[in-house]
Amino acid sequence: MSDEALSSPSSLKNALTRLIRRKGLVNRSATEALHAEWTRIVGPEIGRRSRARRIRDGVLEVVVTNSATMEELRGYLHETVLQQIQISLPESKIRSIRYVRAR
């Protein structure tokens, strides 16, 4: 690409967008933002022992490091966390949470 072609703001923006997509940075930053919101909702202690991985078909998948944390999330925290994440991320249309044990 010539220097002339990159001199316009739209050409530079397009080139940067292609580079970000090619390097996978778009998905990484979305995943990091999802996890940051998860940690804000569940708090730092549970946030250290769990990680929001992705949203697929309205299901938030959360990886949990141990059985005690999984039981805590599935038990008395589940409804509260689900409601808070739905309010916080309405555009994601989360309808349920699936907890998965880390391997």
PDB file of N, CA and C in Angstrom:
ATOM      1  N   MET A   1       0.854  -1.173   0.000  1.00  0.00           N
ATOM      2  CA  MET A   1       0.000   0.000   0.000  1.00  0.00           C
ATOM      3  C   MET A   1       0.892   1.225   0.000  1.00  0.00           C
ATOM      4  N   SER A   2       0.587   2.172  -0.813  1.00  0.00           N
ATOM      5  CA  SER A   2       1.417   3.371  -0.936  1.00  0.00           C
ATOM      6  C   SER A   2       1.201   4.304   0.253  1.00  0.00           C
ATOM      7  N   ASP A   3       2.185   5.213   0.448  1.00  0.00           N
ATOM      8  CA  ASP A   3       2.053   6.209   1.510  1.00  0.00           C
ATOM      9  C   ASP A   3       0.857   7.096   1.263  1.00  0.00           C
ATOM     10  N   GLU A   4       0.580   7.359  -0.018  1.00  0.00           N
ATOM     11  CA  GLU A   4      -0.554   8.193  -0.379  1.00  0.00           C
ATOM     12  C   GLU A   4      -1.870   7.548   0.053  1.00  0.00           C
ATOM     13  N   ALA A   5      -1.963   6.228  -0.154  1.00  0.00           N
ATOM     14  CA  ALA A   5      -3.190   5.508   0.212  1.00  0.00           C
ATOM     15  C   ALA A   5      -3.407   5.510   1.719  1.00  0.00           C
ATOM     16  N   LEU A   6      -2.332   5.493   2.493  1.00  0.00           N
ATOM     17  CA  LEU A   6      -2.454   5.508   3.958  1.00  0.00           C
ATOM     18  C   LEU A   6      -2.596   6.915   4.516  1.00  0.00           C
ATOM     19  N   SER A   7      -2.481   7.918   3.684  1.00  0.00           N
ATOM     20  CA  SER A   7      -2.545   9.286   4.193  1.00  0.00           C
ATOM     21  C   SER A   7      -3.956   9.703   4.579  1.00  0.00           C
ATOM     22  N   SER A   8      -4.978   9.065   4.016  1.00  0.00           N
ATOM     23  CA  SER A   8      -6.335   9.440   4.402  1.00  0.00           C
ATOM     24  C   SER A   8      -6.728   8.707   5.677  1.00  0.00           C
ATOM     25  N   PRO A   9      -7.464   9.377   6.558  1.00  0.00           N
ATOM     26  CA  PRO A   9      -7.864   8.748   7.818  1.00  0.00           C
ATOM     27  C   PRO A   9      -8.657   7.456   7.626  1.00  0.00           C
ATOM     28  N   SER A  10      -9.518   7.410   6.613  1.00  0.00           N
ATOM     29  CA  SER A  10     -10.329   6.207   6.424  1.00  0.00           C
ATOM     30  C   SER A  10      -9.467   5.029   5.972  1.00  0.00           C
ATOM     31  N   SER A  11      -8.452   5.277   5.147  1.00  0.00           N
ATOM     32  CA  SER A  11      -7.562   4.198   4.718  1.00  0.00           C
ATOM     33  C   SER A  11      -6.750   3.665   5.890  1.00  0.00           C
ATOM     34  N   LEU A  12      -6.277   4.535   6.739  1.00  0.00           N
ATOM     35  CA  LEU A  12      -5.524   4.125   7.918  1.00  0.00           C
ATOM     36  C   LEU A  12      -6.421   3.340   8.872  1.00  0.00           C
ATOM     37  N   LYS A  13      -7.638   3.818   9.055  1.00  0.00           N
ATOM     38  CA  LYS A  13      -8.594   3.124   9.922  1.00  0.00           C
ATOM     39  C   LYS A  13      -8.865   1.717   9.387  1.00  0.00           C
ATOM     40  N   ASN A  14      -9.080   1.592   8.088  1.00  0.00           N
ATOM     41  CA  ASN A  14      -9.342   0.279   7.489  1.00  0.00           C
ATOM     42  C   ASN A  14      -8.150  -0.659   7.657  1.00  0.00           C
ATOM     43  N   ALA A  15      -6.952  -0.136   7.469  1.00  0.00           N
ATOM     44  CA  ALA A  15      -5.743  -0.953   7.618  1.00  0.00           C
ATOM     45  C   ALA A  15      -5.597  -1.433   9.065  1.00  0.00           C
ATOM     46  N   LEU A  16      -5.836  -0.547  10.015  1.00  0.00           N
ATOM     47  CA  LEU A  16      -5.737  -0.921  11.430  1.00  0.00           C
ATOM     48  C   LEU A  16      -6.819  -1.938  11.812  1.00  0.00           C
ATOM     49  N   THR A  17      -8.014  -1.749  11.297  1.00  0.00           N
ATOM     50  CA  THR A  17      -9.109  -2.687  11.574  1.00  0.00           C
ATOM     51  C   THR A  17      -8.754  -4.076  11.071  1.00  0.00           C
ATOM     52  N   ARG A  18      -8.212  -4.155   9.850  1.00  0.00           N
ATOM     53  CA  ARG A  18      -7.814  -5.459   9.294  1.00  0.00           C
ATOM     54  C   ARG A  18      -6.722  -6.095  10.145  1.00  0.00           C
ATOM     55  N   LEU A  19      -5.743  -5.313  10.577  1.00  0.00           N
ATOM     56  CA  LEU A  19      -4.648  -5.829  11.400  1.00  0.00           C
ATOM     57  C   LEU A  19      -5.169  -6.356  12.739  1.00  0.00           C
ATOM     58  N   ILE A  20      -6.049  -5.603  13.384  1.00  0.00           N
ATOM     59  CA  ILE A  20      -6.610  -6.021  14.675  1.00  0.00           C
ATOM     60  C   ILE A  20      -7.384  -7.329  14.528  1.00  0.00           C
ATOM     61  N   ARG A  21      -8.186  -7.432  13.487  1.00  0.00           N
ATOM     62  CA  ARG A  21      -8.947  -8.669  13.256  1.00  0.00           C
ATOM     63  C   ARG A  21      -8.020  -9.838  12.953  1.00  0.00           C
ATOM     64  N   ARG A  22      -7.013  -9.593  12.123  1.00  0.00           N
ATOM     65  CA  ARG A  22      -6.090 -10.663  11.743  1.00  0.00           C
ATOM     66  C   ARG A  22      -5.322 -11.183  12.954  1.00  0.00           C
ATOM     67  N   LYS A  23      -4.975 -10.332  13.869  1.00  0.00           N
ATOM     68  CA  LYS A  23      -4.235 -10.735  15.068  1.00  0.00           C
ATOM     69  C   LYS A  23      -5.144 -11.291  16.159  1.00  0.00           C
ATOM     70  N   GLY A  24      -6.465 -11.250  15.961  1.00  0.00           N
ATOM     71  CA  GLY A  24      -7.390 -11.795  16.952  1.00  0.00           C
ATOM     72  C   GLY A  24      -7.602 -10.894  18.154  1.00  0.00           C
ATOM     73  N   LEU A  25      -7.266  -9.637  18.049  1.00  0.00           N
ATOM     74  CA  LEU A  25      -7.372  -8.734  19.195  1.00  0.00           C
ATOM     75  C   LEU A  25      -8.803  -8.323  19.491  1.00  0.00           C
ATOM     76  N   VAL A  26      -9.683  -8.357  18.511  1.00  0.00           N
ATOM     77  CA  VAL A  26     -11.075  -7.976  18.745  1.00  0.00           C
ATOM     78  C   VAL A  26     -11.704  -8.954  19.728  1.00  0.00           C
ATOM     79  N   ASN A  27     -11.595 -10.240  19.466  1.00  0.00           N
ATOM     80  CA  ASN A  27     -12.183 -11.249  20.352  1.00  0.00           C
ATOM     81  C   ASN A  27     -11.530 -11.245  21.722  1.00  0.00           C
ATOM     82  N   ARG A  28     -10.218 -11.054  21.759  1.00  0.00           N
ATOM     83  CA  ARG A  28      -9.513 -11.054  23.030  1.00  0.00           C
ATOM     84  C   ARG A  28     -10.006  -9.908  23.909  1.00  0.00           C
ATOM     85  N   SER A  29     -10.167  -8.729  23.342  1.00  0.00           N
ATOM     86  CA  SER A  29     -10.593  -7.604  24.168  1.00  0.00           C
ATOM     87  C   SER A  29     -12.041  -7.774  24.613  1.00  0.00           C
ATOM     88  N   ALA A  30     -12.891  -8.376  23.789  1.00  0.00           N
ATOM     89  CA  ALA A  30     -14.274  -8.642  24.197  1.00  0.00           C
ATOM     90  C   ALA A  30     -14.304  -9.650  25.332  1.00  0.00           C
ATOM     91  N   THR A  31     -13.473 -10.683  25.249  1.00  0.00           N
ATOM     92  CA  THR A  31     -13.401 -11.691  26.309  1.00  0.00           C
ATOM     93  C   THR A  31     -12.876 -11.076  27.599  1.00  0.00           C
ATOM     94  N   GLU A  32     -11.873 -10.235  27.494  1.00  0.00           N
ATOM     95  CA  GLU A  32     -11.327  -9.566  28.677  1.00  0.00           C
ATOM     96  C   GLU A  32     -12.367  -8.645  29.311  1.00  0.00           C
ATOM     97  N   ALA A  33     -13.136  -7.952  28.496  1.00  0.00           N
ATOM     98  CA  ALA A  33     -14.185  -7.074  29.017  1.00  0.00           C
ATOM     99  C   ALA A  33     -15.277  -7.882  29.702  1.00  0.00           C
ATOM    100  N   LEU A  34     -15.633  -9.027  29.124  1.00  0.00           N
ATOM    101  CA  LEU A  34     -16.632  -9.904  29.739  1.00  0.00           C
ATOM    102  C   LEU A  34     -16.147 -10.394  31.098  1.00  0.00           C
ATOM    103  N   HIS A  35     -14.901 -10.826  31.159  1.00  0.00           N
ATOM    104  CA  HIS A  35     -14.368 -11.303  32.438  1.00  0.00           C
ATOM    105  C   HIS A  35     -14.283 -10.171  33.471  1.00  0.00           C
ATOM    106  N   ALA A  36     -13.900  -8.993  33.035  1.00  0.00           N
ATOM    107  CA  ALA A  36     -13.830  -7.851  33.956  1.00  0.00           C
ATOM    108  C   ALA A  36     -15.200  -7.556  34.552  1.00  0.00           C
ATOM    109  N   GLU A  37     -16.241  -7.629  33.724  1.00  0.00           N
ATOM    110  CA  GLU A  37     -17.604  -7.382  34.216  1.00  0.00           C
ATOM    111  C   GLU A  37     -18.027  -8.509  35.157  1.00  0.00           C
ATOM    112  N   TRP A  38     -17.684  -9.737  34.832  1.00  0.00           N
ATOM    113  CA  TRP A  38     -17.971 -10.881  35.699  1.00  0.00           C
ATOM    114  C   TRP A  38     -17.344 -10.667  37.079  1.00  0.00           C
ATOM    115  N   THR A  39     -16.072 -10.297  37.096  1.00  0.00           N
ATOM    116  CA  THR A  39     -15.358 -10.085  38.364  1.00  0.00           C
ATOM    117  C   THR A  39     -15.970  -8.935  39.143  1.00  0.00           C
ATOM    118  N   ARG A  40     -16.393  -7.888  38.456  1.00  0.00           N
ATOM    119  CA  ARG A  40     -17.034  -6.767  39.147  1.00  0.00           C
ATOM    120  C   ARG A  40     -18.311  -7.240  39.842  1.00  0.00           C
ATOM    121  N   ILE A  41     -19.065  -8.116  39.180  1.00  0.00           N
ATOM    122  CA  ILE A  41     -20.331  -8.583  39.733  1.00  0.00           C
ATOM    123  C   ILE A  41     -20.128  -9.579  40.871  1.00  0.00           C
ATOM    124  N   VAL A  42     -19.246 -10.563  40.688  1.00  0.00           N
ATOM    125  CA  VAL A  42     -19.076 -11.609  41.712  1.00  0.00           C
ATOM    126  C   VAL A  42     -18.081 -11.230  42.797  1.00  0.00           C
ATOM    127  N   GLY A  43     -17.280 -10.204  42.558  1.00  0.00           N
ATOM    128  CA  GLY A  43     -16.297  -9.780  43.535  1.00  0.00           C
ATOM    129  C   GLY A  43     -14.935 -10.392  43.258  1.00  0.00           C
ATOM    130  N   PRO A  44     -13.888  -9.816  43.843  1.00  0.00           N
ATOM    131  CA  PRO A  44     -12.522 -10.249  43.527  1.00  0.00           C
ATOM    132  C   PRO A  44     -12.202 -11.682  43.977  1.00  0.00           C
ATOM    133  N   GLU A  45     -12.758 -12.104  45.094  1.00  0.00           N
ATOM    134  CA  GLU A  45     -12.447 -13.455  45.596  1.00  0.00           C
ATOM    135  C   GLU A  45     -12.977 -14.535  44.644  1.00  0.00           C
ATOM    136  N   ILE A  46     -14.230 -14.477  44.303  1.00  0.00           N
ATOM    137  CA  ILE A  46     -14.793 -15.458  43.368  1.00  0.00           C
ATOM    138  C   ILE A  46     -14.252 -15.198  41.967  1.00  0.00           C
ATOM    139  N   GLY A  47     -13.976 -13.961  41.636  1.00  0.00           N
ATOM    140  CA  GLY A  47     -13.381 -13.625  40.346  1.00  0.00           C
ATOM    141  C   GLY A  47     -12.026 -14.266  40.133  1.00  0.00           C
ATOM    142  N   ARG A  48     -11.270 -14.467  41.200  1.00  0.00           N
ATOM    143  CA  ARG A  48      -9.978 -15.149  41.096  1.00  0.00           C
ATOM    144  C   ARG A  48     -10.145 -16.646  40.875  1.00  0.00           C
ATOM    145  N   ARG A  49     -11.275 -17.177  41.313  1.00  0.00           N
ATOM    146  CA  ARG A  49     -11.509 -18.624  41.223  1.00  0.00           C
ATOM    147  C   ARG A  49     -12.457 -19.005  40.086  1.00  0.00           C
ATOM    148  N   SER A  50     -12.807 -18.038  39.240  1.00  0.00           N
ATOM    149  CA  SER A  50     -13.698 -18.316  38.111  1.00  0.00           C
ATOM    150  C   SER A  50     -13.370 -17.337  36.984  1.00  0.00           C
ATOM    151  N   ARG A  51     -13.779 -17.723  35.785  1.00  0.00           N
ATOM    152  CA  ARG A  51     -13.519 -16.863  34.632  1.00  0.00           C
ATOM    153  C   ARG A  51     -14.664 -16.979  33.635  1.00  0.00           C
ATOM    154  N   ALA A  52     -15.265 -15.836  33.290  1.00  0.00           N
ATOM    155  CA  ALA A  52     -16.293 -15.811  32.247  1.00  0.00           C
ATOM    156  C   ALA A  52     -15.575 -16.026  30.921  1.00  0.00           C
ATOM    157  N   ARG A  53     -15.930 -17.109  30.235  1.00  0.00           N
ATOM    158  CA  ARG A  53     -15.205 -17.468  29.017  1.00  0.00           C
ATOM    159  C   ARG A  53     -15.867 -16.932  27.750  1.00  0.00           C
ATOM    160  N   ARG A  54     -17.183 -17.141  27.616  1.00  0.00           N
ATOM    161  CA  ARG A  54     -17.861 -16.721  26.393  1.00  0.00           C
ATOM    162  C   ARG A  54     -19.369 -16.758  26.582  1.00  0.00           C
ATOM    163  N   ILE A  55     -20.055 -16.152  25.627  1.00  0.00           N
ATOM    164  CA  ILE A  55     -21.515 -16.204  25.575  1.00  0.00           C
ATOM    165  C   ILE A  55     -21.868 -16.857  24.247  1.00  0.00           C
ATOM    166  N   ARG A  56     -22.646 -17.921  24.327  1.00  0.00           N
ATOM    167  CA  ARG A  56     -23.072 -18.605  23.103  1.00  0.00           C
ATOM    168  C   ARG A  56     -24.550 -18.941  23.224  1.00  0.00           C
ATOM    169  N   ASP A  57     -25.326 -18.471  22.267  1.00  0.00           N
ATOM    170  CA  ASP A  57     -26.771 -18.728  22.237  1.00  0.00           C
ATOM    171  C   ASP A  57     -27.456 -18.347  23.546  1.00  0.00           C
ATOM    172  N   GLY A  58     -27.042 -17.215  24.124  1.00  0.00           N
ATOM    173  CA  GLY A  58     -27.670 -16.723  25.345  1.00  0.00           C
ATOM    174  C   GLY A  58     -27.199 -17.378  26.631  1.00  0.00           C
ATOM    175  N   VAL A  59     -26.179 -18.242  26.522  1.00  0.00           N
ATOM    176  CA  VAL A  59     -25.657 -18.934  27.710  1.00  0.00           C
ATOM    177  C   VAL A  59     -24.250 -18.420  27.998  1.00  0.00           C
ATOM    178  N   LEU A  60     -24.071 -17.865  29.190  1.00  0.00           N
ATOM    179  CA  LEU A  60     -22.759 -17.429  29.634  1.00  0.00           C
ATOM    180  C   LEU A  60     -22.024 -18.639  30.185  1.00  0.00           C
ATOM    181  N   GLU A  61     -20.870 -18.928  29.635  1.00  0.00           N
ATOM    182  CA  GLU A  61     -20.060 -20.058  30.119  1.00  0.00           C
ATOM    183  C   GLU A  61     -18.984 -19.516  31.052  1.00  0.00           C
ATOM    184  N   VAL A  62     -18.947 -20.092  32.265  1.00  0.00           N
ATOM    185  CA  VAL A  62     -18.004 -19.656  33.287  1.00  0.00           C
ATOM    186  C   VAL A  62     -17.162 -20.855  33.712  1.00  0.00           C
ATOM    187  N   VAL A  63     -15.852 -20.703  33.653  1.00  0.00           N
ATOM    188  CA  VAL A  63     -14.932 -21.749  34.091  1.00  0.00           C
ATOM    189  C   VAL A  63     -14.614 -21.503  35.560  1.00  0.00           C
ATOM    190  N   VAL A  64     -14.744 -22.557  36.360  1.00  0.00           N
ATOM    191  CA  VAL A  64     -14.564 -22.458  37.805  1.00  0.00           C
ATOM    192  C   VAL A  64     -13.410 -23.373  38.217  1.00  0.00           C
ATOM    193  N   THR A  65     -12.555 -22.899  39.129  1.00  0.00           N
ATOM    194  CA  THR A  65     -11.339 -23.636  39.470  1.00  0.00           C
ATOM    195  C   THR A  65     -11.536 -24.762  40.480  1.00  0.00           C
ATOM    196  N   ASN A  66     -12.573 -24.683  41.315  1.00  0.00           N
ATOM    197  CA  ASN A  66     -12.735 -25.740  42.318  1.00  0.00           C
ATOM    198  C   ASN A  66     -14.206 -25.995  42.630  1.00  0.00           C
ATOM    199  N   SER A  67     -14.451 -27.132  43.259  1.00  0.00           N
ATOM    200  CA  SER A  67     -15.827 -27.566  43.541  1.00  0.00           C
ATOM    201  C   SER A  67     -16.549 -26.633  44.500  1.00  0.00           C
ATOM    202  N   ALA A  68     -15.839 -26.126  45.491  1.00  0.00           N
ATOM    203  CA  ALA A  68     -16.479 -25.250  46.477  1.00  0.00           C
ATOM    204  C   ALA A  68     -17.025 -23.981  45.818  1.00  0.00           C
ATOM    205  N   THR A  69     -16.236 -23.385  44.937  1.00  0.00           N
ATOM    206  CA  THR A  69     -16.680 -22.188  44.228  1.00  0.00           C
ATOM    207  C   THR A  69     -17.840 -22.508  43.304  1.00  0.00           C
ATOM    208  N   MET A  70     -17.771 -23.657  42.646  1.00  0.00           N
ATOM    209  CA  MET A  70     -18.860 -24.044  41.755  1.00  0.00           C
ATOM    210  C   MET A  70     -20.161 -24.195  42.538  1.00  0.00           C
ATOM    211  N   GLU A  71     -20.103 -24.833  43.686  1.00  0.00           N
ATOM    212  CA  GLU A  71     -21.309 -25.003  44.502  1.00  0.00           C
ATOM    213  C   GLU A  71     -21.839 -23.660  44.994  1.00  0.00           C
ATOM    214  N   GLU A  72     -20.938 -22.769  45.349  1.00  0.00           N
ATOM    215  CA  GLU A  72     -21.340 -21.436  45.799  1.00  0.00           C
ATOM    216  C   GLU A  72     -22.058 -20.683  44.670  1.00  0.00           C
ATOM    217  N   LEU A  73     -21.503 -20.768  43.453  1.00  0.00           N
ATOM    218  CA  LEU A  73     -22.117 -20.079  42.308  1.00  0.00           C
ATOM    219  C   LEU A  73     -23.425 -20.731  41.882  1.00  0.00           C
ATOM    220  N   ARG A  74     -23.456 -22.039  41.863  1.00  0.00           N
ATOM    221  CA  ARG A  74     -24.686 -22.746  41.465  1.00  0.00           C
ATOM    222  C   ARG A  74     -25.786 -22.610  42.513  1.00  0.00           C
ATOM    223  N   GLY A  75     -25.376 -22.478  43.758  1.00  0.00           N
ATOM    224  CA  GLY A  75     -26.332 -22.431  44.852  1.00  0.00           C
ATOM    225  C   GLY A  75     -26.910 -21.050  45.067  1.00  0.00           C
ATOM    226  N   TYR A  76     -26.573 -20.478  46.184  1.00  0.00           N
ATOM    227  CA  TYR A  76     -27.247 -19.248  46.600  1.00  0.00           C
ATOM    228  C   TYR A  76     -26.873 -18.003  45.803  1.00  0.00           C
ATOM    229  N   LEU A  77     -25.782 -18.008  45.040  1.00  0.00           N
ATOM    230  CA  LEU A  77     -25.407 -16.818  44.264  1.00  0.00           C
ATOM    231  C   LEU A  77     -25.994 -16.792  42.854  1.00  0.00           C
ATOM    232  N   HIS A  78     -26.446 -17.932  42.364  1.00  0.00           N
ATOM    233  CA  HIS A  78     -26.816 -18.058  40.951  1.00  0.00           C
ATOM    234  C   HIS A  78     -27.843 -17.013  40.486  1.00  0.00           C
ATOM    235  N   GLU A  79     -28.976 -16.938  41.124  1.00  0.00           N
ATOM    236  CA  GLU A  79     -30.040 -16.019  40.668  1.00  0.00           C
ATOM    237  C   GLU A  79     -29.598 -14.563  40.734  1.00  0.00           C
ATOM    238  N   THR A  80     -28.917 -14.194  41.786  1.00  0.00           N
ATOM    239  CA  THR A  80     -28.453 -12.811  41.938  1.00  0.00           C
ATOM    240  C   THR A  80     -27.446 -12.451  40.851  1.00  0.00           C
ATOM    241  N   VAL A  81     -26.488 -13.344  40.619  1.00  0.00           N
ATOM    242  CA  VAL A  81     -25.462 -13.096  39.606  1.00  0.00           C
ATOM    243  C   VAL A  81     -26.102 -13.024  38.223  1.00  0.00           C
ATOM    244  N   LEU A  82     -27.006 -13.939  37.928  1.00  0.00           N
ATOM    245  CA  LEU A  82     -27.682 -13.937  36.626  1.00  0.00           C
ATOM    246  C   LEU A  82     -28.437 -12.624  36.412  1.00  0.00           C
ATOM    247  N   GLN A  83     -29.176 -12.184  37.390  1.00  0.00           N
ATOM    248  CA  GLN A  83     -29.919 -10.930  37.262  1.00  0.00           C
ATOM    249  C   GLN A  83     -28.980  -9.744  37.066  1.00  0.00           C
ATOM    250  N   GLN A  84     -27.899  -9.700  37.822  1.00  0.00           N
ATOM    251  CA  GLN A  84     -26.970  -8.570  37.714  1.00  0.00           C
ATOM    252  C   GLN A  84     -26.269  -8.546  36.364  1.00  0.00           C
ATOM    253  N   ILE A  85     -25.904  -9.713  35.839  1.00  0.00           N
ATOM    254  CA  ILE A  85     -25.218  -9.728  34.542  1.00  0.00           C
ATOM    255  C   ILE A  85     -26.194  -9.386  33.415  1.00  0.00           C
ATOM    256  N   GLN A  86     -27.456  -9.768  33.551  1.00  0.00           N
ATOM    257  CA  GLN A  86     -28.466  -9.403  32.555  1.00  0.00           C
ATOM    258  C   GLN A  86     -28.692  -7.899  32.532  1.00  0.00           C
ATOM    259  N   ILE A  87     -28.696  -7.286  33.695  1.00  0.00           N
ATOM    260  CA  ILE A  87     -28.854  -5.831  33.784  1.00  0.00           C
ATOM    261  C   ILE A  87     -27.617  -5.127  33.239  1.00  0.00           C
ATOM    262  N   SER A  88     -26.448  -5.639  33.579  1.00  0.00           N
ATOM    263  CA  SER A  88     -25.188  -5.024  33.187  1.00  0.00           C
ATOM    264  C   SER A  88     -24.893  -5.161  31.695  1.00  0.00           C
ATOM    265  N   LEU A  89     -25.274  -6.301  31.099  1.00  0.00           N
ATOM    266  CA  LEU A  89     -24.978  -6.568  29.690  1.00  0.00           C
ATOM    267  C   LEU A  89     -26.255  -6.927  28.924  1.00  0.00           C
ATOM    268  N   PRO A  90     -27.212  -6.013  28.843  1.00  0.00           N
ATOM    269  CA  PRO A  90     -28.500  -6.352  28.212  1.00  0.00           C
ATOM    270  C   PRO A  90     -28.372  -6.726  26.732  1.00  0.00           C
ATOM    271  N   GLU A  91     -27.405  -6.140  26.035  1.00  0.00           N
ATOM    272  CA  GLU A  91     -27.239  -6.429  24.612  1.00  0.00           C
ATOM    273  C   GLU A  91     -26.773  -7.859  24.345  1.00  0.00           C
ATOM    274  N   SER A  92     -26.229  -8.519  25.360  1.00  0.00           N
ATOM    275  CA  SER A  92     -25.739  -9.891  25.186  1.00  0.00           C
ATOM    276  C   SER A  92     -26.855 -10.925  25.285  1.00  0.00           C
ATOM    277  N   LYS A  93     -28.013 -10.523  25.796  1.00  0.00           N
ATOM    278  CA  LYS A  93     -29.191 -11.398  25.901  1.00  0.00           C
ATOM    279  C   LYS A  93     -28.895 -12.713  26.626  1.00  0.00           C
ATOM    280  N   ILE A  94     -28.167 -12.622  27.740  1.00  0.00           N
ATOM    281  CA  ILE A  94     -27.845 -13.801  28.547  1.00  0.00           C
ATOM    282  C   ILE A  94     -29.118 -14.271  29.237  1.00  0.00           C
ATOM    283  N   ARG A  95     -29.454 -15.548  29.065  1.00  0.00           N
ATOM    284  CA  ARG A  95     -30.640 -16.106  29.717  1.00  0.00           C
ATOM    285  C   ARG A  95     -30.290 -17.159  30.755  1.00  0.00           C
ATOM    286  N   SER A  96     -29.038 -17.658  30.714  1.00  0.00           N
ATOM    287  CA  SER A  96     -28.608 -18.619  31.726  1.00  0.00           C
ATOM    288  C   SER A  96     -27.086 -18.626  31.834  1.00  0.00           C
ATOM    289  N   ILE A  97     -26.613 -19.282  32.885  1.00  0.00           N
ATOM    290  CA  ILE A  97     -25.175 -19.408  33.118  1.00  0.00           C
ATOM    291  C   ILE A  97     -24.854 -20.890  33.234  1.00  0.00           C
ATOM    292  N   ARG A  98     -23.805 -21.294  32.543  1.00  0.00           N
ATOM    293  CA  ARG A  98     -23.324 -22.679  32.616  1.00  0.00           C
ATOM    294  C   ARG A  98     -21.956 -22.645  33.283  1.00  0.00           C
ATOM    295  N   TYR A  99     -21.821 -23.392  34.374  1.00  0.00           N
ATOM    296  CA  TYR A  99     -20.553 -23.456  35.095  1.00  0.00           C
ATOM    297  C   TYR A  99     -19.810 -24.728  34.678  1.00  0.00           C
ATOM    298  N   VAL A 100     -18.537 -24.568  34.342  1.00  0.00           N
ATOM    299  CA  VAL A 100     -17.703 -25.673  33.875  1.00  0.00           C
ATOM    300  C   VAL A 100     -16.471 -25.746  34.762  1.00  0.00           C
ATOM    301  N   ARG A 101     -16.119 -26.926  35.183  1.00  0.00           N
ATOM    302  CA  ARG A 101     -14.933 -27.119  36.025  1.00  0.00           C
ATOM    303  C   ARG A 101     -13.683 -27.000  35.168  1.00  0.00           C
ATOM    304  N   ALA A 102     -12.696 -26.236  35.645  1.00  0.00           N
ATOM    305  CA  ALA A 102     -11.419 -26.085  34.930  1.00  0.00           C
ATOM    306  C   ALA A 102     -10.686 -27.419  34.939  1.00  0.00           C
ATOM    307  N   ARG A 103      -9.968 -27.683  33.878  1.00  0.00           N
ATOM    308  CA  ARG A 103      -9.220 -28.953  33.780  1.00  0.00           C
ATOM    309  C   ARG A 103      -7.770 -28.746  34.039  1.00  0.00           C
TER     310      ARG A 103
END
